[in-house]
């Protein structure tokens, strides 16, 4: 379940954070400052504390874990999308699209957002690893997915009780978490390097 929770939370965080980032890049002034203040507040909170606060409000369970991890993912996606969208919004092709009568939503979805996919994709892979760590940490503490569901953090917590008699019960989920997070991190670094190389090649 760890992979499913991480994927659902990351996609949800991307959708919410991406919308905030696009709106902040598109609507300058008061709206941008208000959205950035909200993002800064979320970024200032430790990730585990932020997730635990969401769990406290929503209660324990799988869906609550997805929402808690998604809330953690929102501010970083908002920052990434805003930084990528700002230079695109000022482009001549965006001005031409607006002059032709295209709505704001159409300009953002079909002219601005496609230019942001390289940094978004690179950050998404890294965020998947972070989401797995956070979801597993919540389940390990008994705040996330509840037994008997097969989730790595919950399995690690249960395996800890049998560490002397059956150590594999704790070692296997720990190795799975480490290998998966490391794999997503390496993939994200590779995608980021490839995107940077394409930009330098231009």
Protein backbone atom coordinates (compact mmCIF):
# COMPACT_ATOMS: atom_id res chain seq x y z
CA UNK A 1 0.00 0.00 0.00
CA UNK A 2 2.95 2.36 0.48
CA UNK A 3 3.39 2.89 -3.25
CA UNK A 4 -0.31 3.51 -3.82
CA UNK A 5 -0.53 5.98 -0.95
CA UNK A 6 2.58 7.84 -2.14
CA UNK A 7 1.31 8.00 -5.73
CA UNK A 8 -2.18 9.21 -4.75
CA UNK A 9 -0.79 11.80 -2.33
CA UNK A 10 1.82 13.08 -4.81
CA UNK A 11 -0.72 13.43 -7.62
CA UNK A 12 -3.13 15.23 -5.27
CA UNK A 13 -0.36 17.52 -4.03
CA UNK A 14 0.70 18.22 -7.62
CA UNK A 15 -2.86 19.13 -8.62
CA UNK A 16 -3.40 21.49 -5.68
CA UNK A 17 0.11 22.92 -5.59
CA UNK A 18 0.24 23.27 -9.37
CA UNK A 19 -3.00 25.24 -9.37
CA UNK A 20 -1.65 27.55 -6.66
CA UNK A 21 1.64 28.00 -8.50
CA UNK A 22 -0.02 28.77 -11.83
CA UNK A 23 -2.43 31.22 -10.24
CA UNK A 24 0.40 32.97 -8.38
CA UNK A 25 2.40 33.34 -11.61
CA UNK A 26 -0.65 34.52 -13.57
CA UNK A 27 -2.26 36.88 -11.07
CA UNK A 28 0.38 39.27 -9.79
CA UNK A 29 -0.12 41.60 -6.86
CA UNK A 30 -2.36 40.88 -3.87
CA UNK A 31 -3.43 37.39 -4.98
CA UNK A 32 0.18 36.33 -5.57
CA UNK A 33 1.32 37.66 -2.19
CA UNK A 34 -1.55 35.94 -0.37
CA UNK A 35 -0.85 32.59 -2.04
CA UNK A 36 2.88 32.84 -1.38
CA UNK A 37 2.22 33.66 2.28
CA UNK A 38 0.11 30.50 2.56
CA UNK A 39 2.85 28.45 0.90
CA UNK A 40 5.51 29.95 3.19
CA UNK A 41 3.45 29.07 6.27
CA UNK A 42 3.15 25.45 5.13
CA UNK A 43 6.87 25.29 4.29
CA UNK A 44 7.78 26.65 7.73
CA UNK A 45 6.11 23.71 9.49
CA UNK A 46 8.10 20.46 9.90
CA UNK A 47 6.74 17.82 7.55
CA UNK A 48 5.94 15.28 10.26
CA UNK A 49 4.23 17.89 12.43
CA UNK A 50 2.16 19.09 9.46
CA UNK A 51 1.13 15.53 8.60
CA UNK A 52 0.34 14.68 12.23
CA UNK A 53 -1.84 17.79 12.48
CA UNK A 54 -3.82 16.65 9.44
CA UNK A 55 -4.17 13.14 10.92
CA UNK A 56 -5.40 14.64 14.20
CA UNK A 57 -8.14 16.51 12.35
CA UNK A 58 -9.13 13.71 9.96
CA UNK A 59 -8.52 10.66 12.13
CA UNK A 60 -6.44 7.58 11.41
CA UNK A 61 -6.75 5.53 8.24
CA UNK A 62 -5.61 5.18 4.67
CA UNK A 63 -7.46 8.17 3.22
CA UNK A 64 -6.33 10.38 6.09
CA UNK A 65 -2.74 9.35 5.38
CA UNK A 66 -3.13 10.24 1.70
CA UNK A 67 -4.53 13.68 2.59
CA UNK A 68 -1.83 14.30 5.21
CA UNK A 69 1.00 13.49 2.80
CA UNK A 70 -0.68 15.49 0.01
CA UNK A 71 -0.82 18.56 2.27
CA UNK A 72 2.92 18.20 2.82
CA UNK A 73 3.51 18.01 -0.96
CA UNK A 74 1.45 21.10 -1.88
CA UNK A 75 3.87 23.95 -1.00
CA UNK A 76 6.91 22.53 -2.80
CA UNK A 77 4.88 21.87 -5.97
CA UNK A 78 3.46 25.40 -5.76
CA UNK A 79 6.97 26.87 -5.61
CA UNK A 80 8.27 24.70 -8.45
CA UNK A 81 5.34 25.47 -10.77
CA UNK A 82 5.38 29.20 -10.01
CA UNK A 83 9.11 29.47 -10.71
CA UNK A 84 8.74 27.56 -13.97
CA UNK A 85 5.61 29.43 -15.10
CA UNK A 86 6.77 33.00 -14.43
CA UNK A 87 9.03 33.39 -17.49
CA UNK A 88 6.52 31.56 -19.69
CA UNK A 89 3.66 33.84 -18.66
CA UNK A 90 5.68 36.81 -19.92
CA UNK A 91 6.31 35.22 -23.32
CA UNK A 92 5.04 36.69 -26.57
CA UNK A 93 3.09 33.56 -27.51
CA UNK A 94 1.08 33.88 -24.28
CA UNK A 95 0.31 37.52 -25.10
CA UNK A 96 -0.72 36.44 -28.62
CA UNK A 97 -3.03 33.75 -27.20
CA UNK A 98 -4.69 36.25 -24.90
CA UNK A 99 -5.06 38.74 -27.75
CA UNK A 100 -6.78 36.07 -29.84
CA UNK A 101 -9.49 35.81 -27.19
CA UNK A 102 -8.39 32.64 -25.37
CA UNK A 103 -9.66 32.37 -21.81
CA UNK A 104 -7.26 32.45 -18.86
CA UNK A 105 -7.86 28.76 -18.15
CA UNK A 106 -7.10 27.79 -21.75
CA UNK A 107 -3.91 29.86 -21.82
CA UNK A 108 -2.70 28.33 -18.56
CA UNK A 109 -3.55 24.74 -19.49
CA UNK A 110 -2.44 24.72 -23.15
CA UNK A 111 0.28 27.37 -23.33
CA UNK A 112 1.85 27.79 -19.88
CA UNK A 113 1.58 24.38 -18.20
CA UNK A 114 3.25 22.34 -21.01
CA UNK A 115 6.42 24.41 -20.57
CA UNK A 116 6.58 23.50 -16.88
CA UNK A 117 6.57 19.71 -17.22
CA UNK A 118 10.35 19.13 -17.06
CA UNK A 119 10.87 20.52 -13.53
CA UNK A 120 7.49 19.13 -12.44
CA UNK A 121 8.41 15.60 -13.55
CA UNK A 122 11.81 15.75 -11.88
CA UNK A 123 10.33 17.01 -8.62
CA UNK A 124 7.50 14.47 -8.74
CA UNK A 125 9.90 11.52 -8.70
CA UNK A 126 11.78 12.95 -5.71
CA UNK A 127 8.49 13.73 -3.95
CA UNK A 128 7.34 10.13 -4.41
CA UNK A 129 10.29 8.98 -2.31
CA UNK A 130 9.59 11.61 0.35
CA UNK A 131 5.91 10.64 0.37
CA UNK A 132 6.80 6.99 0.98
CA UNK A 133 9.05 7.98 3.89
CA UNK A 134 6.40 10.21 5.44
CA UNK A 135 3.53 7.75 4.99
CA UNK A 136 5.66 4.93 6.38
CA UNK A 137 6.69 7.09 9.32
CA UNK A 138 3.07 7.87 10.16
CA UNK A 139 2.13 4.20 9.96
CA UNK A 140 5.16 3.23 12.05
CA UNK A 141 3.95 5.61 14.77
CA UNK A 142 0.45 4.12 14.58
CA UNK A 143 -1.08 7.25 13.04
CA UNK A 144 -1.39 6.13 9.43
CA UNK A 145 -2.54 2.88 7.87
CA UNK A 146 -3.80 0.50 10.51
CA UNK A 147 -3.13 -3.27 10.78
CA UNK A 148 -3.70 -5.71 9.20
CA UNK A 149 -3.15 -3.66 6.03
CA UNK A 150 0.12 -4.44 4.24
CA UNK A 151 1.98 -1.11 4.49
CA UNK A 152 5.74 -0.92 4.93
CA UNK A 153 5.72 1.39 7.96
CA UNK A 154 3.08 -0.69 9.76
CA UNK A 155 4.94 -3.89 8.84
CA UNK A 156 8.17 -2.41 10.21
CA UNK A 157 6.43 -1.47 13.45
CA UNK A 158 4.99 -4.97 13.89
CA UNK A 159 8.28 -6.60 12.90
CA UNK A 160 10.12 -4.63 15.57
CA UNK A 161 8.27 -6.58 18.24
CA UNK A 162 9.68 -9.84 16.81
CA UNK A 163 13.15 -8.55 16.04
CA UNK A 164 14.96 -11.19 18.12
CA UNK A 165 12.96 -14.20 17.00
CA UNK A 166 12.11 -13.26 13.40
CA UNK A 167 14.35 -10.33 12.30
CA UNK A 168 13.34 -10.66 8.63
CA UNK A 169 9.92 -9.24 9.53
CA UNK A 170 11.57 -5.89 10.28
CA UNK A 171 14.52 -6.06 7.88
CA UNK A 172 12.48 -6.76 4.73
CA UNK A 173 10.16 -3.70 4.89
CA UNK A 174 13.10 -1.51 5.98
CA UNK A 175 15.15 -2.60 2.96
CA UNK A 176 12.13 -2.13 0.69
CA UNK A 177 11.60 1.45 1.92
CA UNK A 178 15.30 2.31 1.57
CA UNK A 179 15.67 0.83 -1.92
CA UNK A 180 12.48 2.41 -3.26
CA UNK A 181 13.21 5.89 -1.88
CA UNK A 182 16.80 5.70 -3.16
CA UNK A 183 15.56 4.61 -6.58
CA UNK A 184 13.11 7.52 -6.86
CA UNK A 185 15.82 9.93 -5.69
CA UNK A 186 18.29 8.74 -8.33
CA UNK A 187 15.60 8.88 -11.01
CA UNK A 188 14.69 12.43 -10.00
CA UNK A 189 18.33 13.54 -10.12
CA UNK A 190 18.70 12.01 -13.57
CA UNK A 191 15.59 13.74 -14.89
CA UNK A 192 16.73 17.06 -13.42
CA UNK A 193 20.17 16.73 -15.01
CA UNK A 194 18.59 15.85 -18.36
CA UNK A 195 16.29 18.88 -18.17
CA UNK A 196 19.22 21.16 -17.28
CA UNK A 197 21.21 19.75 -20.19
CA UNK A 198 18.39 20.49 -22.62
CA UNK A 199 18.16 24.06 -21.34
CA UNK A 200 21.92 24.59 -21.76
CA UNK A 201 21.71 23.07 -25.23
CA UNK A 202 19.23 25.73 -26.27
